[in-house]
Amino acid sequence: MTNILLINGHQPFPTSPGKLNAALTAFAADFFAARDCPVRCVETKSAWDLETEIGNQLWAGLIIVQFPLNSMGLPWSLKRYFDEVYTAGMDGRLAKGDGRSRSDPGRQYGSGGRMQDTRYMLSVTSNAPQTAFGDARQTLFSGRSIDDLLSPVHINFAFFGASACPTFAAYDVSKGGRTAEDFRRYEYHLLAVYDLLGA
């Protein structure tokens, strides 16, 4: 059994109360609980305890980060969570410094992570349609994928030694109205991740 930490990083604002991200978080929690995996959930919009969250990071075999794409990046409360939890974890619990030595400070930056046994998965909701990504003819992203757009998040996890599971994305969520299809795709995605983990 793999310990599952679910982080709901939605930050509500008037036109986006966060129902879809909450529903996807609950769906993943039910999926893994039905397979006897211990599950913990945290919402970054609410108060959370720093030491508890460092403990959650150490406990988890899989961290699923659920969030909407806000201003082409993370919602501010999720960014704050990452900044505070991972910075505090630099004390040796999540990383032993940045991996460099004083004798050779120009090499091995980012090799001090202690989360090598941890996997992570990003689950993203986006107002942009899927056709906006990966197509050089689309001018905004110029052929970039959603993972390209979120490369700072992937690099942050790599810094701490965690390895990626494939990203899930629900596209065109404001105008597309394909919620049932998105949940079917998410179930198949989680099944693939579950198999990958050997949970």
Protein backbone atom coordinates (compact mmCIF):
# COMPACT_ATOMS: atom_id res chain seq x y z
CA MET A 1 0.00 0.00 0.00
CA THR A 2 1.21 3.48 -0.89
CA ASN A 3 0.52 6.47 1.34
CA ILE A 4 -1.30 9.16 -0.66
CA LEU A 5 -1.10 12.88 0.10
CA LEU A 6 -3.64 15.00 -1.78
CA ILE A 7 -3.00 18.74 -1.91
CA ASN A 8 -5.92 20.85 -3.13
CA GLY A 9 -4.25 24.06 -4.22
CA HIS A 10 -7.32 25.93 -5.46
CA GLN A 11 -7.59 29.53 -4.30
CA PRO A 12 -11.21 30.73 -4.64
CA PHE A 13 -12.15 33.96 -6.35
CA PRO A 14 -15.58 35.26 -7.38
CA THR A 15 -15.82 33.49 -10.75
CA SER A 16 -14.10 30.31 -9.56
CA PRO A 17 -15.22 28.90 -6.20
CA GLY A 18 -13.26 25.68 -6.68
CA LYS A 19 -15.96 23.03 -7.04
CA LEU A 20 -14.22 21.11 -9.82
CA ASN A 21 -10.86 20.98 -8.06
CA ALA A 22 -12.58 19.90 -4.83
CA ALA A 23 -14.48 17.20 -6.73
CA LEU A 24 -11.31 15.91 -8.43
CA THR A 25 -9.54 15.83 -5.05
CA ALA A 26 -12.43 13.88 -3.50
CA PHE A 27 -12.51 11.53 -6.49
CA ALA A 28 -8.80 10.72 -6.08
CA ALA A 29 -9.24 10.26 -2.32
CA ASP A 30 -12.07 7.78 -2.88
CA PHE A 31 -10.14 6.00 -5.64
CA PHE A 32 -7.14 5.28 -3.44
CA ALA A 33 -9.12 4.62 -0.25
CA ALA A 34 -11.10 1.95 -2.15
CA ARG A 35 -7.75 0.27 -2.81
CA ASP A 36 -6.80 0.37 0.88
CA CYS A 37 -4.20 3.11 0.44
CA PRO A 38 -3.97 5.48 3.42
CA VAL A 39 -5.01 8.98 2.29
CA ARG A 40 -4.41 12.42 3.77
CA CYS A 41 -5.77 15.68 2.32
CA VAL A 42 -4.78 19.30 2.78
CA GLU A 43 -6.29 22.48 1.32
CA THR A 44 -3.84 25.31 0.85
CA LYS A 45 -6.59 27.95 1.03
CA SER A 46 -7.18 26.96 4.67
CA ALA A 47 -4.89 27.13 7.67
CA TRP A 48 -2.33 24.34 7.80
CA ASP A 49 0.49 23.52 10.20
CA LEU A 50 4.06 23.65 8.90
CA GLU A 51 5.41 20.73 10.94
CA THR A 52 2.38 18.60 10.09
CA GLU A 53 2.91 19.26 6.39
CA ILE A 54 6.60 18.38 6.51
CA GLY A 55 5.50 15.16 8.22
CA ASN A 56 2.94 14.60 5.46
CA GLN A 57 5.64 15.02 2.81
CA LEU A 58 7.83 12.45 4.55
CA TRP A 59 4.87 10.06 5.01
CA ALA A 60 3.65 10.15 1.41
CA GLY A 61 4.67 7.67 -1.25
CA LEU A 62 2.61 9.64 -3.78
CA ILE A 63 1.79 13.34 -3.64
CA ILE A 64 -1.04 14.48 -5.91
CA VAL A 65 -1.22 18.24 -6.39
CA GLN A 66 -4.63 19.39 -7.63
CA PHE A 67 -4.91 22.97 -8.83
CA PRO A 68 -6.22 25.33 -11.51
CA LEU A 69 -3.83 27.03 -13.88
CA ASN A 70 -3.90 30.61 -12.58
CA SER A 71 -2.09 33.32 -14.55
CA MET A 72 -0.21 30.50 -16.32
CA GLY A 73 1.10 29.13 -13.02
CA LEU A 74 0.20 28.12 -9.49
CA PRO A 75 -2.48 29.78 -7.34
CA TRP A 76 -0.79 31.95 -4.73
CA SER A 77 -1.84 29.86 -1.73
CA LEU A 78 -0.33 26.74 -3.31
CA LYS A 79 2.89 28.61 -4.13
CA ARG A 80 3.02 29.77 -0.51
CA TYR A 81 2.56 26.17 0.67
CA PHE A 82 5.46 24.99 -1.51
CA ASP A 83 7.67 27.91 -0.48
CA GLU A 84 7.12 27.47 3.23
CA VAL A 85 7.02 23.67 3.50
CA TYR A 86 9.93 22.95 1.21
CA THR A 87 12.07 25.79 2.54
CA ALA A 88 11.58 24.51 6.10
CA GLY A 89 12.38 20.99 4.87
CA MET A 90 15.81 22.19 3.70
CA ASP A 91 16.93 21.60 7.30
CA GLY A 92 17.78 18.04 6.32
CA ARG A 93 14.36 16.44 6.49
CA LEU A 94 13.38 16.92 2.83
CA ALA A 95 16.80 17.94 1.50
CA LYS A 96 20.33 18.19 2.79
CA GLY A 97 21.18 21.59 1.43
CA ASP A 98 21.37 22.01 -2.31
CA GLY A 99 23.68 19.04 -2.90
CA ARG A 100 26.89 21.00 -3.47
CA SER A 101 30.06 20.79 -1.41
CA ARG A 102 32.23 23.71 -0.39
CA SER A 103 35.17 22.03 -2.11
CA ASP A 104 33.36 22.07 -5.47
CA PRO A 105 30.44 24.53 -5.26
CA GLY A 106 29.94 24.66 -9.02
CA ARG A 107 28.74 21.08 -9.38
CA GLN A 108 25.77 18.90 -8.40
CA TYR A 109 23.37 21.73 -7.58
CA GLY A 110 20.00 20.20 -6.75
CA SER A 111 21.29 16.78 -5.72
CA GLY A 112 20.65 17.07 -1.98
CA GLY A 113 17.02 15.90 -2.04
CA ARG A 114 15.92 13.16 0.33
CA MET A 115 12.58 12.29 -1.29
CA GLN A 116 13.87 9.65 -3.73
CA ASP A 117 11.18 7.20 -2.59
CA THR A 118 8.42 9.73 -3.31
CA ARG A 119 6.43 10.08 -6.53
CA TYR A 120 4.29 13.08 -7.38
CA MET A 121 1.55 13.84 -9.87
CA LEU A 122 0.13 17.15 -11.05
CA SER A 123 -3.60 17.32 -11.77
CA VAL A 124 -4.47 20.59 -13.44
CA THR A 125 -7.68 22.32 -14.50
CA SER A 126 -7.40 24.89 -17.27
CA ASN A 127 -9.73 27.24 -19.07
CA ALA A 128 -7.55 26.84 -22.18
CA PRO A 129 -8.62 24.11 -24.62
CA GLN A 130 -6.31 21.16 -25.21
CA THR A 131 -5.72 22.42 -28.75
CA ALA A 132 -3.91 25.47 -27.31
CA PHE A 133 -1.03 23.24 -26.19
CA GLY A 134 1.53 21.33 -28.23
CA ASP A 135 0.72 23.06 -31.51
CA ALA A 136 3.27 25.56 -32.82
CA ARG A 137 0.52 27.24 -34.87
CA GLN A 138 -1.20 28.32 -31.65
CA THR A 139 0.46 31.61 -30.83
CA LEU A 140 0.10 31.87 -27.04
CA PHE A 141 2.02 28.73 -26.01
CA SER A 142 4.01 28.36 -29.28
CA GLY A 143 3.88 24.57 -29.18
CA ARG A 144 4.57 24.22 -25.48
CA SER A 145 2.83 21.50 -23.49
CA ILE A 146 1.17 22.03 -20.12
CA ASP A 147 4.19 20.32 -18.54
CA ASP A 148 6.46 22.85 -20.27
CA LEU A 149 4.38 25.62 -18.74
CA LEU A 150 4.68 23.98 -15.30
CA SER A 151 8.37 23.15 -15.54
CA PRO A 152 9.22 25.19 -12.38
CA VAL A 153 6.95 22.87 -10.37
CA HIS A 154 8.59 19.78 -11.85
CA ILE A 155 12.05 21.21 -11.19
CA ASN A 156 11.12 21.97 -7.58
CA PHE A 157 10.10 18.35 -6.98
CA ALA A 158 13.26 17.14 -8.75
CA PHE A 159 15.34 19.34 -6.45
CA PHE A 160 13.96 17.37 -3.52
CA GLY A 161 14.52 14.04 -5.26
CA ALA A 162 10.89 13.16 -6.05
CA SER A 163 10.03 11.64 -9.42
CA ALA A 164 7.09 12.45 -11.65
CA CYS A 165 4.06 10.43 -12.60
CA PRO A 166 2.29 11.59 -15.78
CA THR A 167 0.36 14.85 -15.45
CA PHE A 168 -3.44 14.90 -15.76
CA ALA A 169 -5.22 17.92 -17.19
CA ALA A 170 -8.87 18.85 -17.56
CA TYR A 171 -9.03 21.42 -20.35
CA ASP A 172 -11.58 24.05 -21.37
CA VAL A 173 -13.33 23.71 -18.02
CA SER A 174 -15.20 27.02 -18.17
CA LYS A 175 -16.69 26.67 -21.66
CA GLY A 176 -16.23 23.05 -22.65
CA GLY A 177 -18.67 21.38 -20.27
CA ARG A 178 -17.08 17.92 -20.50
CA THR A 179 -17.01 17.16 -16.77
CA ALA A 180 -18.25 13.56 -17.05
CA GLU A 181 -15.64 12.81 -19.70
CA ASP A 182 -12.93 14.42 -17.57
CA PHE A 183 -13.78 12.19 -14.62
CA ARG A 184 -13.72 9.10 -16.83
CA ARG A 185 -10.31 10.11 -18.14
CA TYR A 186 -9.14 10.81 -14.59
CA GLU A 187 -10.17 7.35 -13.44
CA TYR A 188 -8.15 5.74 -16.25
CA HIS A 189 -5.24 8.03 -15.44
CA LEU A 190 -5.32 7.08 -11.74
CA LEU A 191 -5.51 3.40 -12.65
CA ALA A 192 -2.34 3.79 -14.72
CA VAL A 193 -0.60 5.62 -11.88
CA TYR A 194 -1.74 2.98 -9.39
CA ASP A 195 -0.25 0.27 -11.61
CA LEU A 196 2.93 2.30 -11.99
CA LEU A 197 3.29 2.53 -8.23
CA GLY A 198 2.69 -1.16 -7.73
CA ALA A 199 0.56 0.04 -4.83
